[in-house]
Amino acid sequence: MSLREERKQQSRQALLDATLVLSSQGRAFSSISLREITQAVGLVPAAFYRHFKNMDQLGLELLDQAALHIKGVLHQLGPTDFSLNQLADKVELFFQKVDAYPQAWIFLSAERWGGSMFLRQGIEREIHYLVEDLLHGLQQIPALQPLQSPVELRALAQILLPLALNWAMDWIHLQTQIHPASDQAAFAHFKAQCLTQLQLLFCGVLSSPSTRTTDLQ
């Protein structure tokens, strides 16, 4: 890649990052102007069109990046044997990943119910793909082999993904209310609640008679 092309890529990413910063401050994507974004990165408004056709294209690029990040997080969590220690490790890793890139979770969660129709539609498509990826991951877990019905496994994936999104947003919100260094007990309590939710969910799943699946299909 030439130096000129590298600089162009840096400018493009700077525009994306600036939009995410505004989004993470509580701004709806539909309320963010092209002028605000370019001003934030020190570009003239006309320079925007060297990188994006319009704001819709920028929004879809942000969505792609956010969904790809979340997909990677779910993949890194990987299979589990549902032991208490392993579930606790998964919860801890999950929140480490949220801390590493909170803007992705904020953007996808906020814009899912935001004012931009094209983004809402795009997010629903991405959530469908994320559910399918999660479904594939669940199929690799030996303990869930009795639930090989796509109907039940997909239903489980459709529970787990919104749960992850809610956890991420609640965790991010908690950090705005409590300074990380001031009250570690509040963060530990929140993680313990999440762990309890997982235990209860999978306790029910693993005790569910697999014979129900034939009636659902």
N, C-alpha and C. Protein backbone atom coordinates (compact mmCIF):
# COMPACT_ATOMS: atom_id res chain seq x y z
N MET A 1 0.85 -1.20 0.00
CA MET A 1 0.00 0.00 0.00
C MET A 1 0.88 1.24 0.00
N SER A 2 0.58 2.18 -0.90
CA SER A 2 1.35 3.42 -0.98
C SER A 2 1.05 4.30 0.23
N LEU A 3 1.95 5.27 0.46
CA LEU A 3 1.76 6.20 1.58
C LEU A 3 0.46 6.98 1.40
N ARG A 4 0.17 7.37 0.17
CA ARG A 4 -1.06 8.12 -0.10
C ARG A 4 -2.29 7.29 0.23
N GLU A 5 -2.27 6.03 -0.18
CA GLU A 5 -3.39 5.15 0.10
C GLU A 5 -3.52 4.89 1.60
N GLU A 6 -2.39 4.76 2.27
CA GLU A 6 -2.42 4.53 3.72
C GLU A 6 -3.04 5.73 4.44
N ARG A 7 -2.67 6.92 4.01
CA ARG A 7 -3.24 8.12 4.62
C ARG A 7 -4.74 8.23 4.35
N LYS A 8 -5.14 7.82 3.16
CA LYS A 8 -6.56 7.84 2.83
C LYS A 8 -7.33 6.89 3.74
N GLN A 9 -6.77 5.71 3.97
CA GLN A 9 -7.41 4.74 4.85
C GLN A 9 -7.49 5.26 6.28
N GLN A 10 -6.44 5.96 6.71
CA GLN A 10 -6.43 6.54 8.05
C GLN A 10 -7.51 7.60 8.20
N SER A 11 -7.66 8.42 7.16
CA SER A 11 -8.70 9.46 7.19
C SER A 11 -10.09 8.84 7.20
N ARG A 12 -10.26 7.80 6.43
CA ARG A 12 -11.55 7.10 6.38
C ARG A 12 -11.90 6.54 7.76
N GLN A 13 -10.92 5.88 8.38
CA GLN A 13 -11.17 5.31 9.70
C GLN A 13 -11.40 6.40 10.74
N ALA A 14 -10.71 7.52 10.59
CA ALA A 14 -10.90 8.64 11.52
C ALA A 14 -12.33 9.15 11.47
N LEU A 15 -12.91 9.20 10.29
CA LEU A 15 -14.31 9.62 10.15
C LEU A 15 -15.25 8.62 10.84
N LEU A 16 -14.97 7.35 10.67
CA LEU A 16 -15.76 6.32 11.33
C LEU A 16 -15.64 6.42 12.84
N ASP A 17 -14.41 6.57 13.32
CA ASP A 17 -14.18 6.64 14.76
C ASP A 17 -14.84 7.88 15.37
N ALA A 18 -14.79 9.00 14.66
CA ALA A 18 -15.40 10.23 15.16
C ALA A 18 -16.92 10.05 15.28
N THR A 19 -17.51 9.35 14.34
CA THR A 19 -18.95 9.10 14.40
C THR A 19 -19.28 8.21 15.59
N LEU A 20 -18.45 7.22 15.84
CA LEU A 20 -18.69 6.33 16.97
C LEU A 20 -18.57 7.08 18.30
N VAL A 21 -17.64 8.02 18.37
CA VAL A 21 -17.50 8.82 19.59
C VAL A 21 -18.78 9.59 19.86
N LEU A 22 -19.31 10.22 18.82
CA LEU A 22 -20.57 10.97 18.96
C LEU A 22 -21.71 10.04 19.36
N SER A 23 -21.74 8.85 18.75
CA SER A 23 -22.78 7.88 19.07
C SER A 23 -22.68 7.43 20.53
N SER A 24 -21.46 7.21 21.00
CA SER A 24 -21.27 6.75 22.37
C SER A 24 -21.60 7.82 23.40
N GLN A 25 -21.73 9.06 22.94
CA GLN A 25 -22.11 10.17 23.82
C GLN A 25 -23.63 10.35 23.87
N GLY A 26 -24.35 9.42 23.27
CA GLY A 26 -25.81 9.46 23.33
C GLY A 26 -26.48 10.07 22.12
N ARG A 27 -25.71 10.35 21.07
CA ARG A 27 -26.28 10.94 19.86
C ARG A 27 -26.81 9.84 18.95
N ALA A 28 -28.01 10.04 18.44
CA ALA A 28 -28.54 9.14 17.43
C ALA A 28 -27.82 9.39 16.11
N PHE A 29 -27.60 8.34 15.35
CA PHE A 29 -26.89 8.50 14.08
C PHE A 29 -27.60 9.49 13.18
N SER A 30 -28.92 9.46 13.18
CA SER A 30 -29.68 10.35 12.30
C SER A 30 -29.52 11.82 12.67
N SER A 31 -29.04 12.11 13.88
CA SER A 31 -28.86 13.49 14.31
C SER A 31 -27.44 14.00 14.09
N ILE A 32 -26.54 13.12 13.66
CA ILE A 32 -25.14 13.50 13.46
C ILE A 32 -24.96 14.01 12.04
N SER A 33 -24.35 15.17 11.92
CA SER A 33 -24.19 15.77 10.60
C SER A 33 -22.81 15.48 10.02
N LEU A 34 -22.77 15.49 8.72
CA LEU A 34 -21.51 15.33 8.00
C LEU A 34 -20.50 16.39 8.44
N ARG A 35 -20.97 17.62 8.62
CA ARG A 35 -20.08 18.72 9.01
C ARG A 35 -19.46 18.47 10.39
N GLU A 36 -20.25 17.94 11.33
CA GLU A 36 -19.73 17.64 12.66
C GLU A 36 -18.59 16.62 12.59
N ILE A 37 -18.80 15.60 11.78
CA ILE A 37 -17.82 14.52 11.70
C ILE A 37 -16.51 15.02 11.10
N THR A 38 -16.61 15.74 10.00
CA THR A 38 -15.38 16.22 9.36
C THR A 38 -14.67 17.24 10.24
N GLN A 39 -15.43 18.06 10.93
CA GLN A 39 -14.82 19.05 11.82
C GLN A 39 -14.06 18.35 12.95
N ALA A 40 -14.61 17.24 13.43
CA ALA A 40 -13.97 16.51 14.53
C ALA A 40 -12.61 15.94 14.16
N VAL A 41 -12.41 15.65 12.86
CA VAL A 41 -11.14 15.06 12.43
C VAL A 41 -10.28 16.05 11.65
N GLY A 42 -10.72 17.31 11.59
CA GLY A 42 -9.92 18.34 10.94
C GLY A 42 -9.95 18.31 9.43
N LEU A 43 -11.08 17.88 8.85
CA LEU A 43 -11.22 17.86 7.40
C LEU A 43 -12.31 18.85 6.98
N VAL A 44 -12.21 19.32 5.77
CA VAL A 44 -13.28 20.16 5.23
C VAL A 44 -14.43 19.23 4.82
N PRO A 45 -15.67 19.70 4.87
CA PRO A 45 -16.81 18.83 4.55
C PRO A 45 -16.71 18.13 3.21
N ALA A 46 -16.15 18.82 2.21
CA ALA A 46 -16.06 18.21 0.88
C ALA A 46 -15.17 16.98 0.88
N ALA A 47 -14.23 16.90 1.83
CA ALA A 47 -13.32 15.75 1.89
C ALA A 47 -14.05 14.46 2.26
N PHE A 48 -15.21 14.60 2.86
CA PHE A 48 -16.00 13.43 3.24
C PHE A 48 -16.28 12.54 2.03
N TYR A 49 -16.56 13.18 0.89
CA TYR A 49 -16.99 12.44 -0.30
C TYR A 49 -15.85 11.72 -0.99
N ARG A 50 -14.63 11.90 -0.52
CA ARG A 50 -13.52 11.10 -1.02
C ARG A 50 -13.56 9.70 -0.42
N HIS A 51 -14.32 9.56 0.65
CA HIS A 51 -14.34 8.30 1.39
C HIS A 51 -15.69 7.61 1.38
N PHE A 52 -16.76 8.39 1.38
CA PHE A 52 -18.10 7.82 1.44
C PHE A 52 -19.02 8.54 0.46
N LYS A 53 -19.93 7.78 -0.10
CA LYS A 53 -20.90 8.37 -1.03
C LYS A 53 -21.85 9.29 -0.30
N ASN A 54 -22.25 8.88 0.90
CA ASN A 54 -23.18 9.66 1.72
C ASN A 54 -23.13 9.13 3.15
N MET A 55 -23.95 9.70 4.03
CA MET A 55 -23.97 9.27 5.42
C MET A 55 -24.50 7.84 5.57
N ASP A 56 -25.40 7.44 4.69
CA ASP A 56 -25.91 6.08 4.75
C ASP A 56 -24.78 5.06 4.58
N GLN A 57 -23.89 5.33 3.64
CA GLN A 57 -22.77 4.41 3.41
C GLN A 57 -21.86 4.36 4.63
N LEU A 58 -21.62 5.51 5.25
CA LEU A 58 -20.80 5.54 6.47
C LEU A 58 -21.48 4.73 7.57
N GLY A 59 -22.80 4.89 7.72
CA GLY A 59 -23.52 4.15 8.74
C GLY A 59 -23.44 2.65 8.56
N LEU A 60 -23.56 2.21 7.32
CA LEU A 60 -23.47 0.78 7.04
C LEU A 60 -22.07 0.24 7.28
N GLU A 61 -21.06 1.07 7.02
CA GLU A 61 -19.68 0.66 7.30
C GLU A 61 -19.48 0.50 8.82
N LEU A 62 -20.03 1.43 9.58
CA LEU A 62 -19.96 1.32 11.04
C LEU A 62 -20.66 0.06 11.52
N LEU A 63 -21.80 -0.23 10.94
CA LEU A 63 -22.55 -1.42 11.31
C LEU A 63 -21.74 -2.68 11.01
N ASP A 64 -21.10 -2.72 9.85
CA ASP A 64 -20.27 -3.87 9.49
C ASP A 64 -19.16 -4.08 10.52
N GLN A 65 -18.51 -2.98 10.90
CA GLN A 65 -17.41 -3.09 11.86
C GLN A 65 -17.91 -3.54 13.22
N ALA A 66 -19.04 -2.98 13.66
CA ALA A 66 -19.58 -3.34 14.97
C ALA A 66 -20.00 -4.81 14.99
N ALA A 67 -20.70 -5.25 13.95
CA ALA A 67 -21.17 -6.64 13.89
C ALA A 67 -20.00 -7.61 13.81
N LEU A 68 -18.96 -7.24 13.07
CA LEU A 68 -17.79 -8.10 12.95
C LEU A 68 -17.09 -8.24 14.30
N HIS A 69 -17.02 -7.13 15.04
CA HIS A 69 -16.41 -7.19 16.38
C HIS A 69 -17.21 -8.11 17.29
N ILE A 70 -18.53 -7.93 17.32
CA ILE A 70 -19.38 -8.74 18.20
C ILE A 70 -19.32 -10.21 17.81
N LYS A 71 -19.29 -10.48 16.51
CA LYS A 71 -19.14 -11.86 16.05
C LYS A 71 -17.83 -12.46 16.57
N GLY A 72 -16.76 -11.67 16.52
CA GLY A 72 -15.47 -12.15 17.01
C GLY A 72 -15.50 -12.44 18.51
N VAL A 73 -16.18 -11.59 19.26
CA VAL A 73 -16.29 -11.81 20.71
C VAL A 73 -17.03 -13.11 20.99
N LEU A 74 -18.17 -13.32 20.33
CA LEU A 74 -18.94 -14.53 20.54
C LEU A 74 -18.14 -15.77 20.16
N HIS A 75 -17.35 -15.64 19.10
CA HIS A 75 -16.52 -16.77 18.67
C HIS A 75 -15.44 -17.08 19.71
N GLN A 76 -14.83 -16.02 20.28
CA GLN A 76 -13.78 -16.23 21.28
C GLN A 76 -14.31 -16.85 22.56
N LEU A 77 -15.57 -16.61 22.87
CA LEU A 77 -16.13 -17.23 24.07
C LEU A 77 -16.19 -18.74 23.93
N GLY A 78 -16.47 -19.20 22.71
CA GLY A 78 -16.35 -20.61 22.38
C GLY A 78 -17.24 -21.55 23.18
N PRO A 79 -17.05 -22.87 22.99
CA PRO A 79 -17.84 -23.88 23.69
C PRO A 79 -17.58 -23.85 25.20
N THR A 80 -18.48 -24.44 25.95
CA THR A 80 -18.35 -24.53 27.39
C THR A 80 -18.86 -25.88 27.88
N ASP A 81 -18.36 -26.31 29.04
CA ASP A 81 -18.89 -27.55 29.62
C ASP A 81 -19.95 -27.25 30.69
N PHE A 82 -20.28 -25.94 30.83
CA PHE A 82 -21.33 -25.48 31.74
C PHE A 82 -20.96 -25.63 33.21
N SER A 83 -19.69 -25.89 33.51
CA SER A 83 -19.27 -25.90 34.91
C SER A 83 -19.28 -24.46 35.43
N LEU A 84 -19.41 -24.30 36.74
CA LEU A 84 -19.48 -22.98 37.34
C LEU A 84 -18.23 -22.18 37.04
N ASN A 85 -17.07 -22.81 37.16
CA ASN A 85 -15.81 -22.09 36.91
C ASN A 85 -15.71 -21.64 35.47
N GLN A 86 -16.09 -22.51 34.53
CA GLN A 86 -15.96 -22.13 33.13
C GLN A 86 -16.97 -21.04 32.75
N LEU A 87 -18.18 -21.13 33.27
CA LEU A 87 -19.16 -20.07 33.00
C LEU A 87 -18.69 -18.75 33.58
N ALA A 88 -18.09 -18.79 34.77
CA ALA A 88 -17.57 -17.56 35.39
C ALA A 88 -16.45 -16.98 34.54
N ASP A 89 -15.60 -17.83 33.98
CA ASP A 89 -14.52 -17.36 33.11
C ASP A 89 -15.09 -16.72 31.85
N LYS A 90 -16.16 -17.30 31.31
CA LYS A 90 -16.79 -16.75 30.10
C LYS A 90 -17.37 -15.36 30.39
N VAL A 91 -18.02 -15.21 31.54
CA VAL A 91 -18.59 -13.92 31.91
C VAL A 91 -17.49 -12.88 32.04
N GLU A 92 -16.40 -13.25 32.70
CA GLU A 92 -15.28 -12.32 32.88
C GLU A 92 -14.68 -11.91 31.54
N LEU A 93 -14.47 -12.88 30.66
CA LEU A 93 -13.92 -12.59 29.34
C LEU A 93 -14.85 -11.70 28.54
N PHE A 94 -16.15 -11.97 28.64
CA PHE A 94 -17.12 -11.17 27.90
C PHE A 94 -17.00 -9.69 28.25
N PHE A 95 -16.94 -9.38 29.52
CA PHE A 95 -16.89 -7.98 29.92
C PHE A 95 -15.54 -7.34 29.62
N GLN A 96 -14.50 -8.14 29.59
CA GLN A 96 -13.20 -7.62 29.13
C GLN A 96 -13.30 -7.18 27.67
N LYS A 97 -13.98 -7.97 26.87
CA LYS A 97 -14.14 -7.64 25.46
C LYS A 97 -15.04 -6.41 25.27
N VAL A 98 -16.08 -6.29 26.08
CA VAL A 98 -16.92 -5.10 26.01
C VAL A 98 -16.11 -3.86 26.36
N ASP A 99 -15.29 -3.95 27.38
CA ASP A 99 -14.45 -2.83 27.79
C ASP A 99 -13.47 -2.43 26.69
N ALA A 100 -13.03 -3.41 25.90
CA ALA A 100 -12.04 -3.14 24.86
C ALA A 100 -12.62 -2.31 23.71
N TYR A 101 -13.94 -2.42 23.46
CA TYR A 101 -14.55 -1.71 22.34
C TYR A 101 -16.02 -1.45 22.63
N PRO A 102 -16.32 -0.65 23.64
CA PRO A 102 -17.72 -0.42 24.01
C PRO A 102 -18.52 0.26 22.92
N GLN A 103 -17.86 1.06 22.06
CA GLN A 103 -18.58 1.81 21.04
C GLN A 103 -19.36 0.90 20.09
N ALA A 104 -18.82 -0.28 19.81
CA ALA A 104 -19.51 -1.20 18.90
C ALA A 104 -20.84 -1.65 19.49
N TRP A 105 -20.85 -1.97 20.77
CA TRP A 105 -22.07 -2.43 21.43
C TRP A 105 -23.08 -1.29 21.54
N ILE A 106 -22.58 -0.09 21.84
CA ILE A 106 -23.47 1.07 21.96
C ILE A 106 -24.13 1.37 20.62
N PHE A 107 -23.33 1.38 19.56
CA PHE A 107 -23.86 1.73 18.24
C PHE A 107 -24.93 0.74 17.81
N LEU A 108 -24.64 -0.55 17.90
CA LEU A 108 -25.60 -1.54 17.43
C LEU A 108 -26.86 -1.54 18.28
N SER A 109 -26.69 -1.46 19.59
CA SER A 109 -27.86 -1.52 20.48
C SER A 109 -28.72 -0.27 20.35
N ALA A 110 -28.08 0.91 20.31
CA ALA A 110 -28.85 2.16 20.25
C ALA A 110 -29.54 2.32 18.91
N GLU A 111 -28.84 2.03 17.83
CA GLU A 111 -29.41 2.24 16.51
C GLU A 111 -30.43 1.17 16.11
N ARG A 112 -30.44 0.07 16.86
CA ARG A 112 -31.45 -0.96 16.58
C ARG A 112 -32.85 -0.39 16.76
N TRP A 113 -32.99 0.56 17.66
CA TRP A 113 -34.28 1.19 17.90
C TRP A 113 -34.23 2.68 17.57
N GLY A 114 -33.25 3.09 16.77
CA GLY A 114 -33.06 4.50 16.47
C GLY A 114 -33.97 5.02 15.38
N GLY A 115 -33.66 6.25 14.94
CA GLY A 115 -34.53 6.91 13.98
C GLY A 115 -34.22 6.64 12.53
N SER A 116 -33.14 5.90 12.27
CA SER A 116 -32.73 5.65 10.89
C SER A 116 -33.27 4.30 10.42
N MET A 117 -34.22 4.32 9.51
CA MET A 117 -34.85 3.10 9.03
C MET A 117 -33.84 2.17 8.36
N PHE A 118 -32.95 2.73 7.54
CA PHE A 118 -32.01 1.87 6.81
C PHE A 118 -31.06 1.17 7.77
N LEU A 119 -30.70 1.86 8.88
CA LEU A 119 -29.83 1.23 9.86
C LEU A 119 -30.58 0.16 10.65
N ARG A 120 -31.83 0.44 11.01
CA ARG A 120 -32.62 -0.57 11.72
C ARG A 120 -32.74 -1.84 10.90
N GLN A 121 -32.99 -1.67 9.61
CA GLN A 121 -33.10 -2.85 8.75
C GLN A 121 -31.77 -3.58 8.64
N GLY A 122 -30.69 -2.82 8.52
CA GLY A 122 -29.37 -3.43 8.45
C GLY A 122 -29.01 -4.17 9.72
N ILE A 123 -29.36 -3.60 10.86
CA ILE A 123 -29.06 -4.23 12.14
C ILE A 123 -29.84 -5.52 12.30
N GLU A 124 -31.09 -5.53 11.88
CA GLU A 124 -31.87 -6.77 11.97
C GLU A 124 -31.26 -7.86 11.11
N ARG A 125 -30.72 -7.49 9.96
CA ARG A 125 -30.02 -8.49 9.12
C ARG A 125 -28.79 -9.02 9.86
N GLU A 126 -28.02 -8.11 10.45
CA GLU A 126 -26.81 -8.53 11.15
C GLU A 126 -27.14 -9.38 12.36
N ILE A 127 -28.21 -9.06 13.06
CA ILE A 127 -28.61 -9.86 14.21
C ILE A 127 -29.00 -11.26 13.76
N HIS A 128 -29.67 -11.34 12.62
CA HIS A 128 -30.01 -12.66 12.06
C HIS A 128 -28.73 -13.46 11.81
N TYR A 129 -27.73 -12.83 11.21
CA TYR A 129 -26.46 -13.52 10.94
C TYR A 129 -25.76 -13.92 12.23
N LEU A 130 -25.79 -13.04 13.24
CA LEU A 130 -25.16 -13.34 14.52
C LEU A 130 -25.85 -14.51 15.21
N VAL A 131 -27.17 -14.56 15.11
CA VAL A 131 -27.91 -15.69 15.68
C VAL A 131 -27.51 -16.99 14.98
N GLU A 132 -27.36 -16.93 13.66
CA GLU A 132 -26.96 -18.13 12.93
C GLU A 132 -25.56 -18.58 13.32
N ASP A 133 -24.65 -17.62 13.50
CA ASP A 133 -23.29 -17.95 13.94
C ASP A 133 -23.32 -18.57 15.33
N LEU A 134 -24.14 -18.00 16.20
CA LEU A 134 -24.26 -18.52 17.56
C LEU A 134 -24.88 -19.92 17.54
N LEU A 135 -25.85 -20.11 16.68
CA LEU A 135 -26.46 -21.43 16.52
C LEU A 135 -25.41 -22.46 16.12
N HIS A 136 -24.56 -22.11 15.18
CA HIS A 136 -23.49 -23.02 14.75
C HIS A 136 -22.58 -23.35 15.92
N GLY A 137 -22.26 -22.35 16.75
CA GLY A 137 -21.41 -22.59 17.90
C GLY A 137 -22.08 -23.51 18.91
N LEU A 138 -23.36 -23.35 19.13
CA LEU A 138 -24.08 -24.21 20.07
C LEU A 138 -24.10 -25.65 19.60
N GLN A 139 -24.12 -25.84 18.29
CA GLN A 139 -24.13 -27.20 17.73
C GLN A 139 -22.82 -27.94 18.01
N GLN A 140 -21.77 -27.20 18.36
CA GLN A 140 -20.47 -27.83 18.63
C GLN A 140 -20.30 -28.22 20.09
N ILE A 141 -21.26 -27.89 20.94
CA ILE A 141 -21.14 -28.17 22.37
C ILE A 141 -21.69 -29.56 22.67
N PRO A 142 -20.84 -30.48 23.14
CA PRO A 142 -21.30 -31.86 23.37
C PRO A 142 -22.50 -31.96 24.29
N ALA A 143 -22.55 -31.14 25.34
CA ALA A 143 -23.64 -31.24 26.31
C ALA A 143 -24.99 -30.91 25.69
N LEU A 144 -24.98 -30.22 24.54
CA LEU A 144 -26.22 -29.84 23.89
C LEU A 144 -26.60 -30.78 22.75
N GLN A 145 -25.87 -31.88 22.62
CA GLN A 145 -26.16 -32.83 21.54
C GLN A 145 -27.60 -33.35 21.56
N PRO A 146 -28.20 -33.55 22.75
CA PRO A 146 -29.60 -34.00 22.73
C PRO A 146 -30.56 -32.97 22.15
N LEU A 147 -30.12 -31.71 22.05
CA LEU A 147 -30.99 -30.66 21.53
C LEU A 147 -30.57 -30.27 20.12
N GLN A 148 -30.37 -31.25 19.29
CA GLN A 148 -29.91 -30.96 17.94
C GLN A 148 -31.00 -30.45 17.02
N SER A 149 -32.22 -30.32 17.52
CA SER A 149 -33.28 -29.73 16.71
C SER A 149 -32.93 -28.28 16.41
N PRO A 150 -32.89 -27.88 15.15
CA PRO A 150 -32.62 -26.47 14.81
C PRO A 150 -33.61 -25.52 15.46
N VAL A 151 -34.83 -25.99 15.70
CA VAL A 151 -35.85 -25.14 16.31
C VAL A 151 -35.43 -24.73 17.71
N GLU A 152 -35.04 -25.70 18.55
CA GLU A 152 -34.68 -25.40 19.93
C GLU A 152 -33.34 -24.67 20.01
N LEU A 153 -32.37 -25.11 19.23
CA LEU A 153 -31.07 -24.45 19.29
C LEU A 153 -31.15 -23.02 18.80
N ARG A 154 -31.93 -22.78 17.76
CA ARG A 154 -32.10 -21.40 17.28
C ARG A 154 -32.81 -20.55 18.33
N ALA A 155 -33.80 -21.14 19.00
CA ALA A 155 -34.50 -20.42 20.06
C ALA A 155 -33.52 -20.04 21.17
N LEU A 156 -32.62 -20.96 21.49
CA LEU A 156 -31.62 -20.67 22.52
C LEU A 156 -30.69 -19.54 22.07
N ALA A 157 -30.26 -19.58 20.82
CA ALA A 157 -29.41 -18.52 20.28
C ALA A 157 -30.14 -17.18 20.30
N GLN A 158 -31.44 -17.21 20.02
CA GLN A 158 -32.24 -15.99 20.01
C GLN A 158 -32.44 -15.42 21.42
N ILE A 159 -32.24 -16.24 22.44
CA ILE A 159 -32.25 -15.76 23.81
C ILE A 159 -30.88 -15.21 24.19
N LEU A 160 -29.83 -15.92 23.83
CA LEU A 160 -28.49 -15.57 24.26
C LEU A 160 -27.99 -14.27 23.65
N LEU A 161 -28.29 -14.01 22.37
CA LEU A 161 -27.77 -12.80 21.75
C LEU A 161 -28.34 -11.53 22.37
N PRO A 162 -29.67 -11.39 22.49
CA PRO A 162 -30.19 -10.19 23.17
C PRO A 162 -29.70 -10.08 24.61
N LEU A 163 -29.50 -11.24 25.27
CA LEU A 163 -28.98 -11.21 26.63
C LEU A 163 -27.59 -10.60 26.65
N ALA A 164 -26.75 -10.98 25.68
CA ALA A 164 -25.40 -10.42 25.60
C ALA A 164 -25.45 -8.91 25.33
N LEU A 165 -26.33 -8.49 24.44
CA LEU A 165 -26.46 -7.06 24.14
C LEU A 165 -26.93 -6.29 25.38
N ASN A 166 -27.87 -6.85 26.11
CA ASN A 166 -28.36 -6.19 27.32
C ASN A 166 -27.28 -6.11 28.39
N TRP A 167 -26.55 -7.21 28.56
CA TRP A 167 -25.44 -7.20 29.52
C TRP A 167 -24.43 -6.11 29.18
N ALA A 168 -24.07 -6.05 27.90
CA ALA A 168 -23.06 -5.07 27.48
C ALA A 168 -23.52 -3.65 27.78
N MET A 169 -24.75 -3.34 27.44
CA MET A 169 -25.25 -1.99 27.67
C MET A 169 -25.40 -1.68 29.15
N ASP A 170 -25.86 -2.64 29.93
CA ASP A 170 -25.97 -2.43 31.38
C ASP A 170 -24.60 -2.24 32.01
N TRP A 171 -23.62 -2.99 31.53
CA TRP A 171 -22.24 -2.88 32.03
C TRP A 171 -21.66 -1.50 31.71
N ILE A 172 -21.87 -1.06 30.49
CA ILE A 172 -21.37 0.26 30.08
C ILE A 172 -22.06 1.36 30.89
N HIS A 173 -23.36 1.22 31.08
CA HIS A 173 -24.11 2.20 31.88
C HIS A 173 -23.62 2.21 33.32
N LEU A 174 -23.36 1.03 33.87
CA LEU A 174 -22.88 0.94 35.25
C LEU A 174 -21.57 1.70 35.43
N GLN A 175 -20.71 1.62 34.43
CA GLN A 175 -19.43 2.30 34.52
C GLN A 175 -19.56 3.82 34.48
N THR A 176 -20.65 4.32 33.93
CA THR A 176 -20.87 5.77 33.94
C THR A 176 -21.42 6.23 35.28
N GLN A 177 -21.97 5.29 36.05
CA GLN A 177 -22.53 5.63 37.35
C GLN A 177 -21.54 5.44 38.49
N ILE A 178 -20.64 4.49 38.32
CA ILE A 178 -19.69 4.14 39.38
C ILE A 178 -18.29 4.14 38.82
N HIS A 179 -17.39 4.83 39.47
CA HIS A 179 -16.00 4.84 39.00
C HIS A 179 -15.38 3.48 39.26
N PRO A 180 -14.68 2.90 38.27
CA PRO A 180 -14.13 1.55 38.43
C PRO A 180 -13.27 1.36 39.68
N ALA A 181 -12.60 2.41 40.12
CA ALA A 181 -11.70 2.26 41.26
C ALA A 181 -12.41 2.47 42.60
N SER A 182 -13.66 2.92 42.57
CA SER A 182 -14.32 3.32 43.81
C SER A 182 -15.17 2.23 44.45
N ASP A 183 -15.74 1.36 43.66
CA ASP A 183 -16.65 0.37 44.22
C ASP A 183 -16.61 -0.91 43.40
N GLN A 184 -15.58 -1.71 43.61
CA GLN A 184 -15.46 -2.96 42.88
C GLN A 184 -16.57 -3.94 43.24
N ALA A 185 -17.17 -3.76 44.43
CA ALA A 185 -18.23 -4.67 44.85
C ALA A 185 -19.43 -4.58 43.93
N ALA A 186 -19.74 -3.38 43.42
CA ALA A 186 -20.88 -3.22 42.52
C ALA A 186 -20.65 -3.97 41.21
N PHE A 187 -19.44 -3.92 40.70
CA PHE A 187 -19.12 -4.63 39.46
C PHE A 187 -19.14 -6.14 39.68
N ALA A 188 -18.61 -6.57 40.83
CA ALA A 188 -18.61 -8.00 41.14
C ALA A 188 -20.04 -8.52 41.29
N HIS A 189 -20.91 -7.71 41.90
CA HIS A 189 -22.31 -8.09 42.08
C HIS A 189 -23.00 -8.23 40.72
N PHE A 190 -22.72 -7.30 39.81
CA PHE A 190 -23.34 -7.36 38.49
C PHE A 190 -22.89 -8.62 37.75
N LYS A 191 -21.61 -8.93 37.80
CA LYS A 191 -21.11 -10.13 37.14
C LYS A 191 -21.73 -11.38 37.75
N ALA A 192 -21.90 -11.37 39.07
CA ALA A 192 -22.51 -12.52 39.74
C ALA A 192 -23.96 -12.71 39.29
N GLN A 193 -24.68 -11.61 39.10
CA GLN A 193 -26.05 -11.70 38.60
C GLN A 193 -26.08 -12.32 37.20
N CYS A 194 -25.15 -11.89 36.35
CA CYS A 194 -25.08 -12.44 34.99
C CYS A 194 -24.77 -13.92 35.02
N LEU A 195 -23.86 -14.31 35.90
CA LEU A 195 -23.51 -15.72 36.02
C LEU A 195 -24.72 -16.54 36.48
N THR A 196 -25.47 -16.00 37.43
CA THR A 196 -26.68 -16.69 37.90
C THR A 196 -27.69 -16.85 36.77
N GLN A 197 -27.85 -15.83 35.95
CA GLN A 197 -28.77 -15.92 34.83
C GLN A 197 -28.35 -17.03 33.87
N LEU A 198 -27.05 -17.12 33.59
CA LEU A 198 -26.57 -18.19 32.71
C LEU A 198 -26.82 -19.56 33.31
N GLN A 199 -26.53 -19.69 34.60
CA GLN A 199 -26.73 -20.98 35.27
C GLN A 199 -28.19 -21.40 35.20
N LEU A 200 -29.09 -20.49 35.48
CA LEU A 200 -30.52 -20.81 35.45
C LEU A 200 -30.97 -21.16 34.03
N LEU A 201 -30.47 -20.41 33.06
CA LEU A 201 -30.84 -20.67 31.67
C LEU A 201 -30.40 -22.06 31.23
N PHE A 202 -29.12 -22.37 31.46
CA PHE A 202 -28.62 -23.65 30.97
C PHE A 202 -29.08 -24.82 31.84
N CYS A 203 -29.39 -24.54 33.10
CA CYS A 203 -29.99 -25.59 33.93
C CYS A 203 -31.31 -26.04 33.32
N GLY A 204 -32.10 -25.05 32.87
CA GLY A 204 -33.37 -25.37 32.23
C GLY A 204 -33.18 -26.06 30.90
N VAL A 205 -32.19 -25.59 30.13
CA VAL A 205 -31.94 -26.18 28.81
C VAL A 205 -31.51 -27.63 28.94
N LEU A 206 -30.58 -27.89 29.85
CA LEU A 206 -30.03 -29.24 29.96
C LEU A 206 -31.01 -30.23 30.57
N SER A 207 -32.02 -29.72 31.27
CA SER A 207 -33.03 -30.62 31.86
C SER A 207 -34.26 -30.75 30.98
N SER A 208 -34.24 -30.06 29.80
CA SER A 208 -35.39 -30.09 28.91
C SER A 208 -35.43 -31.42 28.15
N PRO A 209 -36.56 -32.10 28.13
CA PRO A 209 -36.66 -33.36 27.38
C PRO A 209 -36.55 -33.11 25.88
N SER A 210 -35.62 -33.77 25.24
CA SER A 210 -35.39 -33.57 23.81
C SER A 210 -36.56 -34.02 22.97
N THR A 211 -37.44 -34.83 23.55
CA THR A 211 -38.58 -35.32 22.77
C THR A 211 -39.55 -34.20 22.39
N ARG A 212 -39.45 -33.03 23.05
CA ARG A 212 -40.33 -31.91 22.72
C ARG A 212 -40.08 -31.40 21.32
N THR A 213 -38.84 -31.58 20.81
CA THR A 213 -38.46 -30.96 19.55
C THR A 213 -39.27 -31.49 18.39
N THR A 214 -39.63 -32.76 18.44
CA THR A 214 -40.36 -33.34 17.30
C THR A 214 -41.74 -32.72 17.17
N ASP A 215 -42.31 -32.28 18.28
CA ASP A 215 -43.61 -31.65 18.23
C ASP A 215 -43.56 -30.23 17.70
N LEU A 216 -42.35 -29.61 17.82
CA LEU A 216 -42.21 -28.23 17.40
C LEU A 216 -41.92 -28.08 15.91
N GLN A 217 -41.45 -29.14 15.28
CA GLN A 217 -40.98 -29.03 13.91
C GLN A 217 -42.14 -29.06 12.92
